[in-house]
Amino acid sequence: MRPNPDGFIFDGDLLTVNRGKETVEVTVVNTADHPIQVEAQAHFFEADEALVFPRPQAFGMRLNTPQHFAPRATKTVQLTPLTNEQ
C-alpha cells in the first residue's frame, strides 16, 4: 500500500477515498526540526503549531489522506470537511 494524493495504491490499483466530497488545497510548512505525522481523522485546524498554513481555511476540515511532514519542508495537501457520515 502506497499513499497517493487521490487515495491509496494497492497492488497497482488506485483506491479513491472521499470520492465526490469537496476538497480544498492548502500549502503547509513544517517549521519544526522534527517530522510531524497527522492522521486523516484529526481536525487539521488544531494540528501542531509548528505546521504553518492558513488555519482559518482549515476550520472544520481534515486531511484527505494521512500525511507526514518532513522537517523544514513545504507540502501542498488536500483537506475535506469533517463529517459523521459512514
Protein backbone atom coordinates (compact mmCIF):
# COMPACT_ATOMS: atom_id res chain seq x y z
CA MET A 1 0.00 0.00 0.00
CA ARG A 2 1.35 3.44 -1.00
CA PRO A 3 -0.32 6.80 -0.28
CA ASN A 4 -1.33 8.89 -3.28
CA PRO A 5 -2.96 12.37 -3.28
CA ASP A 6 -6.19 10.77 -4.53
CA GLY A 7 -6.22 7.74 -2.23
CA PHE A 8 -4.06 4.66 -1.79
CA ILE A 9 -2.46 2.25 -4.24
CA PHE A 10 -2.95 -1.48 -3.51
CA ASP A 11 -1.17 -3.94 -5.80
CA GLY A 12 -1.08 -1.29 -8.56
CA ASP A 13 -4.78 -0.35 -8.30
CA LEU A 14 -5.80 3.10 -7.05
CA LEU A 15 -8.39 3.07 -4.25
CA THR A 16 -10.01 6.53 -4.23
CA VAL A 17 -11.09 7.92 -0.87
CA ASN A 18 -13.66 10.64 -0.21
CA ARG A 19 -14.90 10.48 -3.80
CA GLY A 20 -17.32 13.30 -4.59
CA LYS A 21 -16.53 15.30 -1.46
CA GLU A 22 -15.44 18.91 -1.63
CA THR A 23 -11.70 19.38 -1.19
CA VAL A 24 -9.53 22.42 -0.59
CA GLU A 25 -5.77 22.57 -1.20
CA VAL A 26 -3.53 24.33 1.30
CA THR A 27 0.23 24.72 1.45
CA VAL A 28 1.79 23.66 4.75
CA VAL A 29 5.27 24.46 6.06
CA ASN A 30 6.74 22.36 8.87
CA THR A 31 8.85 24.88 10.81
CA ALA A 32 9.98 22.23 13.33
CA ASP A 33 13.30 20.40 13.26
CA HIS A 34 11.49 17.06 13.52
CA PRO A 35 8.91 15.25 11.36
CA ILE A 36 5.21 15.64 12.17
CA GLN A 37 2.59 12.99 11.36
CA VAL A 38 -1.10 13.97 11.10
CA GLU A 39 -3.83 11.37 10.72
CA ALA A 40 -6.77 11.89 8.37
CA GLN A 41 -9.46 11.90 11.06
CA ALA A 42 -7.91 14.80 13.03
CA HIS A 43 -9.32 18.35 12.86
CA PHE A 44 -6.49 19.90 10.83
CA PHE A 45 -7.19 23.38 12.28
CA GLU A 46 -5.85 22.00 15.60
CA ALA A 47 -2.68 20.45 14.13
CA ASP A 48 0.74 21.06 15.67
CA GLU A 49 1.57 24.79 15.88
CA ALA A 50 4.87 24.12 14.07
CA LEU A 51 2.79 23.49 10.94
CA VAL A 52 2.20 26.87 9.30
CA PHE A 53 -0.79 27.16 6.94
CA PRO A 54 -3.93 29.32 6.60
CA ARG A 55 -5.67 27.99 9.74
CA PRO A 56 -8.99 29.78 9.19
CA GLN A 57 -9.30 27.96 5.86
CA ALA A 58 -8.80 24.63 7.69
CA PHE A 59 -11.55 25.16 10.28
CA GLY A 60 -13.96 22.20 10.16
CA MET A 61 -11.64 20.32 7.79
CA ARG A 62 -9.46 17.21 7.97
CA LEU A 63 -6.75 15.78 5.72
CA ASN A 64 -8.00 13.81 2.73
CA THR A 65 -5.26 11.22 3.44
CA PRO A 66 -2.81 10.87 6.40
CA GLN A 67 0.34 12.97 5.92
CA HIS A 68 3.96 13.01 7.06
CA PHE A 69 5.52 16.48 7.15
CA ALA A 70 9.31 16.41 6.92
CA PRO A 71 11.32 18.92 9.00
CA ARG A 72 11.57 22.40 7.44
CA ALA A 73 9.72 21.21 4.32
CA THR A 74 6.77 22.67 2.39
CA LYS A 75 3.94 20.48 1.14
CA THR A 76 0.55 21.04 -0.50
CA VAL A 77 -2.25 18.87 0.90
CA GLN A 78 -5.96 18.33 0.30
CA LEU A 79 -8.49 18.97 3.06
CA THR A 80 -12.07 17.69 3.16
CA PRO A 81 -14.87 18.61 5.58
CA LEU A 82 -15.19 16.76 8.88
CA THR A 83 -18.41 14.73 8.87
CA ASN A 84 -20.13 11.96 10.79
CA GLU A 85 -21.19 10.14 7.62
CA GLN A 86 -20.30 6.44 7.41
